[in-house]
Amino acid sequence: MGAPLDVLKHEMVPDHQIMSEEEVADLLAAYHISLEQLPKIYHDDPAVKVTGGDVGNVVRITRDSRTAGRAEAYRLIVKRPKK
């Protein structure tokens, strides 16, 4: 078998980066929110796996936008609940 697929190289997948603790603290302070108020992304999401993110990390997702030029979104990595 070949190397595993790197989903981040696909043109339809935006850039995902794990944020440092300092970057997260600045983000939360700028928006006056807590970590739990961030939107969530599951730990087993293919993009999270490729970036090496772990539960509790925050991911910065950067997309090209026709209207804004560049748009950033933030997601807290959480464990997928068991069924």
PDB file of N, CA and C in Angstrom:
ATOM      1  N   MET A   1       0.842  -1.202   0.000  1.00  0.00           N
ATOM      2  CA  MET A   1       0.000   0.000   0.000  1.00  0.00           C
ATOM      3  C   MET A   1       0.872   1.245   0.000  1.00  0.00           C
ATOM      4  N   GLY A   2       0.326   2.315  -0.573  1.00  0.00           N
ATOM      5  CA  GLY A   2       1.049   3.574  -0.624  1.00  0.00           C
ATOM      6  C   GLY A   2       0.915   4.344   0.683  1.00  0.00           C
ATOM      7  N   ALA A   3       1.456   5.546   0.665  1.00  0.00           N
ATOM      8  CA  ALA A   3       1.384   6.414   1.846  1.00  0.00           C
ATOM      9  C   ALA A   3      -0.074   6.816   2.090  1.00  0.00           C
ATOM     10  N   PRO A   4      -0.434   7.082   3.363  1.00  0.00           N
ATOM     11  CA  PRO A   4      -1.809   7.513   3.644  1.00  0.00           C
ATOM     12  C   PRO A   4      -2.114   8.849   2.972  1.00  0.00           C
ATOM     13  N   LEU A   5      -3.372   9.039   2.620  1.00  0.00           N
ATOM     14  CA  LEU A   5      -3.814  10.262   1.960  1.00  0.00           C
ATOM     15  C   LEU A   5      -3.704  11.449   2.914  1.00  0.00           C
ATOM     16  N   ASP A   6      -3.074  12.522   2.454  1.00  0.00           N
ATOM     17  CA  ASP A   6      -3.001  13.759   3.234  1.00  0.00           C
ATOM     18  C   ASP A   6      -4.143  14.653   2.771  1.00  0.00           C
ATOM     19  N   VAL A   7      -5.222  14.662   3.549  1.00  0.00           N
ATOM     20  CA  VAL A   7      -6.414  15.409   3.154  1.00  0.00           C
ATOM     21  C   VAL A   7      -6.155  16.906   3.013  1.00  0.00           C
ATOM     22  N   LEU A   8      -5.164  17.423   3.722  1.00  0.00           N
ATOM     23  CA  LEU A   8      -4.894  18.860   3.663  1.00  0.00           C
ATOM     24  C   LEU A   8      -4.344  19.299   2.306  1.00  0.00           C
ATOM     25  N   LYS A   9      -3.894  18.352   1.502  1.00  0.00           N
ATOM     26  CA  LYS A   9      -3.371  18.693   0.180  1.00  0.00           C
ATOM     27  C   LYS A   9      -4.479  18.804  -0.864  1.00  0.00           C
ATOM     28  N   HIS A  10      -5.692  18.412  -0.496  1.00  0.00           N
ATOM     29  CA  HIS A  10      -6.809  18.503  -1.438  1.00  0.00           C
ATOM     30  C   HIS A  10      -7.235  19.959  -1.569  1.00  0.00           C
ATOM     31  N   GLU A  11      -7.518  20.393  -2.788  1.00  0.00           N
ATOM     32  CA  GLU A  11      -7.839  21.805  -3.031  1.00  0.00           C
ATOM     33  C   GLU A  11      -9.105  22.277  -2.335  1.00  0.00           C
ATOM     34  N   MET A  12     -10.004  21.359  -1.975  1.00  0.00           N
ATOM     35  CA  MET A  12     -11.259  21.748  -1.323  1.00  0.00           C
ATOM     36  C   MET A  12     -11.153  21.816   0.202  1.00  0.00           C
ATOM     37  N   VAL A  13     -10.034  21.377   0.760  1.00  0.00           N
ATOM     38  CA  VAL A  13      -9.869  21.369   2.218  1.00  0.00           C
ATOM     39  C   VAL A  13      -9.072  22.598   2.639  1.00  0.00           C
ATOM     40  N   PRO A  14      -9.655  23.435   3.511  1.00  0.00           N
ATOM     41  CA  PRO A  14      -8.931  24.632   3.951  1.00  0.00           C
ATOM     42  C   PRO A  14      -7.758  24.266   4.857  1.00  0.00           C
ATOM     43  N   ASP A  15      -6.874  25.226   5.057  1.00  0.00           N
ATOM     44  CA  ASP A  15      -5.699  25.027   5.907  1.00  0.00           C
ATOM     45  C   ASP A  15      -6.128  24.857   7.361  1.00  0.00           C
ATOM     46  N   HIS A  16      -5.598  23.836   8.035  1.00  0.00           N
ATOM     47  CA  HIS A  16      -5.859  23.574   9.454  1.00  0.00           C
ATOM     48  C   HIS A  16      -4.530  23.658  10.201  1.00  0.00           C
ATOM     49  N   GLN A  17      -4.498  24.439  11.277  1.00  0.00           N
ATOM     50  CA  GLN A  17      -3.286  24.546  12.096  1.00  0.00           C
ATOM     51  C   GLN A  17      -3.662  24.496  13.567  1.00  0.00           C
ATOM     52  N   ILE A  18      -2.887  23.748  14.348  1.00  0.00           N
ATOM     53  CA  ILE A  18      -3.079  23.699  15.796  1.00  0.00           C
ATOM     54  C   ILE A  18      -2.508  24.991  16.371  1.00  0.00           C
ATOM     55  N   MET A  19      -3.290  25.657  17.217  1.00  0.00           N
ATOM     56  CA  MET A  19      -2.865  26.923  17.811  1.00  0.00           C
ATOM     57  C   MET A  19      -2.075  26.680  19.093  1.00  0.00           C
ATOM     58  N   SER A  20      -1.135  27.565  19.376  1.00  0.00           N
ATOM     59  CA  SER A  20      -0.367  27.489  20.624  1.00  0.00           C
ATOM     60  C   SER A  20      -1.252  27.943  21.783  1.00  0.00           C
ATOM     61  N   GLU A  21      -0.838  27.624  22.997  1.00  0.00           N
ATOM     62  CA  GLU A  21      -1.595  28.043  24.183  1.00  0.00           C
ATOM     63  C   GLU A  21      -1.715  29.558  24.237  1.00  0.00           C
ATOM     64  N   GLU A  22      -0.655  30.261  23.871  1.00  0.00           N
ATOM     65  CA  GLU A  22      -0.670  31.735  23.879  1.00  0.00           C
ATOM     66  C   GLU A  22      -1.667  32.267  22.845  1.00  0.00           C
ATOM     67  N   GLU A  23      -1.671  31.684  21.652  1.00  0.00           N
ATOM     68  CA  GLU A  23      -2.618  32.110  20.619  1.00  0.00           C
ATOM     69  C   GLU A  23      -4.062  31.884  21.065  1.00  0.00           C
ATOM     70  N   VAL A  24      -4.312  30.756  21.727  1.00  0.00           N
ATOM     71  CA  VAL A  24      -5.663  30.452  22.211  1.00  0.00           C
ATOM     72  C   VAL A  24      -6.072  31.463  23.278  1.00  0.00           C
ATOM     73  N   ALA A  25      -5.160  31.760  24.202  1.00  0.00           N
ATOM     74  CA  ALA A  25      -5.458  32.732  25.262  1.00  0.00           C
ATOM     75  C   ALA A  25      -5.791  34.095  24.657  1.00  0.00           C
ATOM     76  N   ASP A  26      -5.024  34.517  23.649  1.00  0.00           N
ATOM     77  CA  ASP A  26      -5.284  35.798  22.980  1.00  0.00           C
ATOM     78  C   ASP A  26      -6.646  35.776  22.279  1.00  0.00           C
ATOM     79  N   LEU A  27      -6.972  34.672  21.619  1.00  0.00           N
ATOM     80  CA  LEU A  27      -8.252  34.527  20.924  1.00  0.00           C
ATOM     81  C   LEU A  27      -9.421  34.645  21.901  1.00  0.00           C
ATOM     82  N   LEU A  28      -9.344  33.909  23.007  1.00  0.00           N
ATOM     83  CA  LEU A  28     -10.424  33.919  23.991  1.00  0.00           C
ATOM     84  C   LEU A  28     -10.593  35.310  24.611  1.00  0.00           C
ATOM     85  N   ALA A  29      -9.471  35.975  24.877  1.00  0.00           N
ATOM     86  CA  ALA A  29      -9.530  37.318  25.451  1.00  0.00           C
ATOM     87  C   ALA A  29     -10.111  38.320  24.448  1.00  0.00           C
ATOM     88  N   ALA A  30      -9.737  38.204  23.184  1.00  0.00           N
ATOM     89  CA  ALA A  30     -10.212  39.147  22.164  1.00  0.00           C
ATOM     90  C   ALA A  30     -11.723  39.066  21.990  1.00  0.00           C
ATOM     91  N   TYR A  31     -12.275  37.865  22.100  1.00  0.00           N
ATOM     92  CA  TYR A  31     -13.717  37.691  21.896  1.00  0.00           C
ATOM     93  C   TYR A  31     -14.503  37.571  23.205  1.00  0.00           C
ATOM     94  N   HIS A  32     -13.797  37.652  24.332  1.00  0.00           N
ATOM     95  CA  HIS A  32     -14.425  37.553  25.659  1.00  0.00           C
ATOM     96  C   HIS A  32     -15.283  36.294  25.770  1.00  0.00           C
ATOM     97  N   ILE A  33     -14.657  35.154  25.417  1.00  0.00           N
ATOM     98  CA  ILE A  33     -15.356  33.867  25.480  1.00  0.00           C
ATOM     99  C   ILE A  33     -14.507  32.853  26.222  1.00  0.00           C
ATOM    100  N   SER A  34     -15.119  31.727  26.555  1.00  0.00           N
ATOM    101  CA  SER A  34     -14.380  30.622  27.173  1.00  0.00           C
ATOM    102  C   SER A  34     -14.122  29.551  26.119  1.00  0.00           C
ATOM    103  N   LEU A  35     -13.219  28.662  26.417  1.00  0.00           N
ATOM    104  CA  LEU A  35     -12.866  27.578  25.509  1.00  0.00           C
ATOM    105  C   LEU A  35     -14.101  26.779  25.093  1.00  0.00           C
ATOM    106  N   GLU A  36     -14.993  26.515  26.044  1.00  0.00           N
ATOM    107  CA  GLU A  36     -16.168  25.694  25.781  1.00  0.00           C
ATOM    108  C   GLU A  36     -17.158  26.364  24.827  1.00  0.00           C
ATOM    109  N   GLN A  37     -17.030  27.680  24.638  1.00  0.00           N
ATOM    110  CA  GLN A  37     -17.941  28.394  23.744  1.00  0.00           C
ATOM    111  C   GLN A  37     -17.525  28.307  22.271  1.00  0.00           C
ATOM    112  N   LEU A  38     -16.332  27.785  22.016  1.00  0.00           N
ATOM    113  CA  LEU A  38     -15.891  27.632  20.630  1.00  0.00           C
ATOM    114  C   LEU A  38     -16.662  26.500  19.960  1.00  0.00           C
ATOM    115  N   PRO A  39     -16.879  26.600  18.648  1.00  0.00           N
ATOM    116  CA  PRO A  39     -17.452  25.457  17.930  1.00  0.00           C
ATOM    117  C   PRO A  39     -16.516  24.258  18.059  1.00  0.00           C
ATOM    118  N   LYS A  40     -17.052  23.073  17.899  1.00  0.00           N
ATOM    119  CA  LYS A  40     -16.280  21.851  18.126  1.00  0.00           C
ATOM    120  C   LYS A  40     -15.926  21.155  16.814  1.00  0.00           C
ATOM    121  N   ILE A  41     -14.872  20.334  16.889  1.00  0.00           N
ATOM    122  CA  ILE A  41     -14.488  19.438  15.803  1.00  0.00           C
ATOM    123  C   ILE A  41     -14.035  18.143  16.473  1.00  0.00           C
ATOM    124  N   TYR A  42     -14.407  17.003  15.895  1.00  0.00           N
ATOM    125  CA  TYR A  42     -14.081  15.722  16.526  1.00  0.00           C
ATOM    126  C   TYR A  42     -12.617  15.342  16.346  1.00  0.00           C
ATOM    127  N   HIS A  43     -12.087  14.650  17.349  1.00  0.00           N
ATOM    128  CA  HIS A  43     -10.685  14.237  17.360  1.00  0.00           C
ATOM    129  C   HIS A  43     -10.336  13.305  16.207  1.00  0.00           C
ATOM    130  N   ASP A  44     -11.339  12.610  15.664  1.00  0.00           N
ATOM    131  CA  ASP A  44     -11.064  11.667  14.575  1.00  0.00           C
ATOM    132  C   ASP A  44     -11.349  12.254  13.189  1.00  0.00           C
ATOM    133  N   ASP A  45     -11.579  13.571  13.116  1.00  0.00           N
ATOM    134  CA  ASP A  45     -11.738  14.236  11.828  1.00  0.00           C
ATOM    135  C   ASP A  45     -10.431  14.049  11.046  1.00  0.00           C
ATOM    136  N   PRO A  46     -10.504  13.701   9.761  1.00  0.00           N
ATOM    137  CA  PRO A  46      -9.275  13.461   8.995  1.00  0.00           C
ATOM    138  C   PRO A  46      -8.276  14.621   9.036  1.00  0.00           C
ATOM    139  N   ALA A  47      -8.743  15.855   8.974  1.00  0.00           N
ATOM    140  CA  ALA A  47      -7.829  17.004   9.005  1.00  0.00           C
ATOM    141  C   ALA A  47      -7.169  17.145  10.379  1.00  0.00           C
ATOM    142  N   VAL A  48      -7.889  16.832  11.433  1.00  0.00           N
ATOM    143  CA  VAL A  48      -7.322  16.892  12.786  1.00  0.00           C
ATOM    144  C   VAL A  48      -6.247  15.818  12.935  1.00  0.00           C
ATOM    145  N   LYS A  49      -6.522  14.634  12.422  1.00  0.00           N
ATOM    146  CA  LYS A  49      -5.547  13.543  12.513  1.00  0.00           C
ATOM    147  C   LYS A  49      -4.248  13.900  11.794  1.00  0.00           C
ATOM    148  N   VAL A  50      -4.357  14.495  10.606  1.00  0.00           N
ATOM    149  CA  VAL A  50      -3.171  14.853   9.823  1.00  0.00           C
ATOM    150  C   VAL A  50      -2.348  15.933  10.526  1.00  0.00           C
ATOM    151  N   THR A  51      -3.015  16.882  11.190  1.00  0.00           N
ATOM    152  CA  THR A  51      -2.285  17.962  11.862  1.00  0.00           C
ATOM    153  C   THR A  51      -1.703  17.534  13.200  1.00  0.00           C
ATOM    154  N   GLY A  52      -2.118  16.362  13.693  1.00  0.00           N
ATOM    155  CA  GLY A  52      -1.603  15.890  14.978  1.00  0.00           C
ATOM    156  C   GLY A  52      -2.306  16.504  16.168  1.00  0.00           C
ATOM    157  N   GLY A  53      -3.509  17.041  15.940  1.00  0.00           N
ATOM    158  CA  GLY A  53      -4.261  17.646  17.032  1.00  0.00           C
ATOM    159  C   GLY A  53      -4.749  16.616  18.029  1.00  0.00           C
ATOM    160  N   ASP A  54      -4.947  17.069  19.259  1.00  0.00           N
ATOM    161  CA  ASP A  54      -5.418  16.201  20.329  1.00  0.00           C
ATOM    162  C   ASP A  54      -6.591  16.886  21.037  1.00  0.00           C
ATOM    163  N   VAL A  55      -7.357  16.101  21.760  1.00  0.00           N
ATOM    164  CA  VAL A  55      -8.495  16.628  22.499  1.00  0.00           C
ATOM    165  C   VAL A  55      -8.029  17.792  23.384  1.00  0.00           C
ATOM    166  N   GLY A  56      -8.753  18.909  23.314  1.00  0.00           N
ATOM    167  CA  GLY A  56      -8.398  20.091  24.099  1.00  0.00           C
ATOM    168  C   GLY A  56      -7.633  21.136  23.304  1.00  0.00           C
ATOM    169  N   ASN A  57      -7.040  20.733  22.160  1.00  0.00           N
ATOM    170  CA  ASN A  57      -6.363  21.703  21.298  1.00  0.00           C
ATOM    171  C   ASN A  57      -7.402  22.534  20.551  1.00  0.00           C
ATOM    172  N   VAL A  58      -6.965  23.690  20.062  1.00  0.00           N
ATOM    173  CA  VAL A  58      -7.816  24.521  19.217  1.00  0.00           C
ATOM    174  C   VAL A  58      -7.182  24.563  17.829  1.00  0.00           C
ATOM    175  N   VAL A  59      -8.024  24.397  16.805  1.00  0.00           N
ATOM    176  CA  VAL A  59      -7.577  24.405  15.416  1.00  0.00           C
ATOM    177  C   VAL A  59      -8.011  25.715  14.768  1.00  0.00           C
ATOM    178  N   ARG A  60      -7.073  26.357  14.063  1.00  0.00           N
ATOM    179  CA  ARG A  60      -7.394  27.531  13.255  1.00  0.00           C
ATOM    180  C   ARG A  60      -7.592  27.021  11.828  1.00  0.00           C
ATOM    181  N   ILE A  61      -8.752  27.318  11.258  1.00  0.00           N
ATOM    182  CA  ILE A  61      -9.069  26.896   9.893  1.00  0.00           C
ATOM    183  C   ILE A  61      -9.132  28.154   9.041  1.00  0.00           C
ATOM    184  N   THR A  62      -8.262  28.224   8.045  1.00  0.00           N
ATOM    185  CA  THR A  62      -8.165  29.409   7.204  1.00  0.00           C
ATOM    186  C   THR A  62      -8.656  29.066   5.802  1.00  0.00           C
ATOM    187  N   ARG A  63      -9.671  29.795   5.368  1.00  0.00           N
ATOM    188  CA  ARG A  63     -10.268  29.582   4.042  1.00  0.00           C
ATOM    189  C   ARG A  63     -10.081  30.829   3.185  1.00  0.00           C
ATOM    190  N   ASP A  64      -9.929  30.606   1.884  1.00  0.00           N
ATOM    191  CA  ASP A  64      -9.982  31.721   0.948  1.00  0.00           C
ATOM    192  C   ASP A  64     -11.448  32.084   0.781  1.00  0.00           C
ATOM    193  N   SER A  65     -11.720  33.377   0.750  1.00  0.00           N
ATOM    194  CA  SER A  65     -13.091  33.846   0.632  1.00  0.00           C
ATOM    195  C   SER A  65     -13.177  34.887  -0.476  1.00  0.00           C
ATOM    196  N   ARG A  66     -14.156  34.738  -1.350  1.00  0.00           N
ATOM    197  CA  ARG A  66     -14.320  35.719  -2.431  1.00  0.00           C
ATOM    198  C   ARG A  66     -14.692  37.090  -1.877  1.00  0.00           C
ATOM    199  N   THR A  67     -15.422  37.126  -0.770  1.00  0.00           N
ATOM    200  CA  THR A  67     -15.864  38.407  -0.218  1.00  0.00           C
ATOM    201  C   THR A  67     -14.898  38.982   0.809  1.00  0.00           C
ATOM    202  N   ALA A  68     -14.328  38.130   1.649  1.00  0.00           N
ATOM    203  CA  ALA A  68     -13.464  38.612   2.727  1.00  0.00           C
ATOM    204  C   ALA A  68     -11.981  38.493   2.392  1.00  0.00           C
ATOM    205  N   GLY A  69     -11.646  37.813   1.305  1.00  0.00           N
ATOM    206  CA  GLY A  69     -10.240  37.582   0.986  1.00  0.00           C
ATOM    207  C   GLY A  69      -9.728  36.355   1.707  1.00  0.00           C
ATOM    208  N   ARG A  70      -9.821  36.405   3.015  1.00  0.00           N
ATOM    209  CA  ARG A  70      -9.392  35.285   3.844  1.00  0.00           C
ATOM    210  C   ARG A  70     -10.274  35.258   5.078  1.00  0.00           C
ATOM    211  N   ALA A  71     -10.735  34.080   5.451  1.00  0.00           N
ATOM    212  CA  ALA A  71     -11.595  33.950   6.630  1.00  0.00           C
ATOM    213  C   ALA A  71     -11.011  32.897   7.557  1.00  0.00           C
ATOM    214  N   GLU A  72     -10.989  33.214   8.848  1.00  0.00           N
ATOM    215  CA  GLU A  72     -10.495  32.272   9.845  1.00  0.00           C
ATOM    216  C   GLU A  72     -11.640  31.795  10.717  1.00  0.00           C
ATOM    217  N   ALA A  73     -11.609  30.507  11.036  1.00  0.00           N
ATOM    218  CA  ALA A  73     -12.568  29.919  11.972  1.00  0.00           C
ATOM    219  C   ALA A  73     -11.762  29.138  12.997  1.00  0.00           C
ATOM    220  N   TYR A  74     -12.343  28.918  14.145  1.00  0.00           N
ATOM    221  CA  TYR A  74     -11.642  28.242  15.233  1.00  0.00           C
ATOM    222  C   TYR A  74     -12.517  27.124  15.755  1.00  0.00           C
ATOM    223  N   ARG A  75     -11.910  25.966  16.046  1.00  0.00           N
ATOM    224  CA  ARG A  75     -12.651  24.812  16.546  1.00  0.00           C
ATOM    225  C   ARG A  75     -11.881  24.167  17.697  1.00  0.00           C
ATOM    226  N   LEU A  76     -12.612  23.810  18.738  1.00  0.00           N
ATOM    227  CA  LEU A  76     -12.050  23.071  19.860  1.00  0.00           C
ATOM    228  C   LEU A  76     -12.149  21.582  19.543  1.00  0.00           C
ATOM    229  N   ILE A  77     -11.041  20.870  19.675  1.00  0.00           N
ATOM    230  CA  ILE A  77     -11.044  19.431  19.400  1.00  0.00           C
ATOM    231  C   ILE A  77     -11.632  18.690  20.596  1.00  0.00           C
ATOM    232  N   VAL A  78     -12.677  17.895  20.319  1.00  0.00           N
ATOM    233  CA  VAL A  78     -13.338  17.113  21.368  1.00  0.00           C
ATOM    234  C   VAL A  78     -13.402  15.651  20.946  1.00  0.00           C
ATOM    235  N   LYS A  79     -13.574  14.789  21.937  1.00  0.00           N
ATOM    236  CA  LYS A  79     -13.700  13.362  21.658  1.00  0.00           C
ATOM    237  C   LYS A  79     -15.119  13.081  21.185  1.00  0.00           C
ATOM    238  N   ARG A  80     -15.244  12.252  20.167  1.00  0.00           N
ATOM    239  CA  ARG A  80     -16.555  11.877  19.650  1.00  0.00           C
ATOM    240  C   ARG A  80     -17.250  11.013  20.702  1.00  0.00           C
ATOM    241  N   PRO A  81     -18.514  11.343  21.035  1.00  0.00           N
ATOM    242  CA  PRO A  81     -19.225  10.532  22.030  1.00  0.00           C
ATOM    243  C   PRO A  81     -19.462   9.119  21.510  1.00  0.00           C
ATOM    244  N   LYS A  82     -19.396   8.164  22.419  1.00  0.00           N
ATOM    245  CA  LYS A  82     -19.662   6.770  22.032  1.00  0.00           C
ATOM    246  C   LYS A  82     -21.151   6.575  21.849  1.00  0.00           C
ATOM    247  N   LYS A  83     -21.496   5.728  20.888  1.00  0.00           N
ATOM    248  CA  LYS A  83     -22.912   5.469  20.606  1.00  0.00           C
ATOM    249  C   LYS A  83     -23.488   4.440  21.534  1.00  0.00           C
TER     250      LYS A  83
END
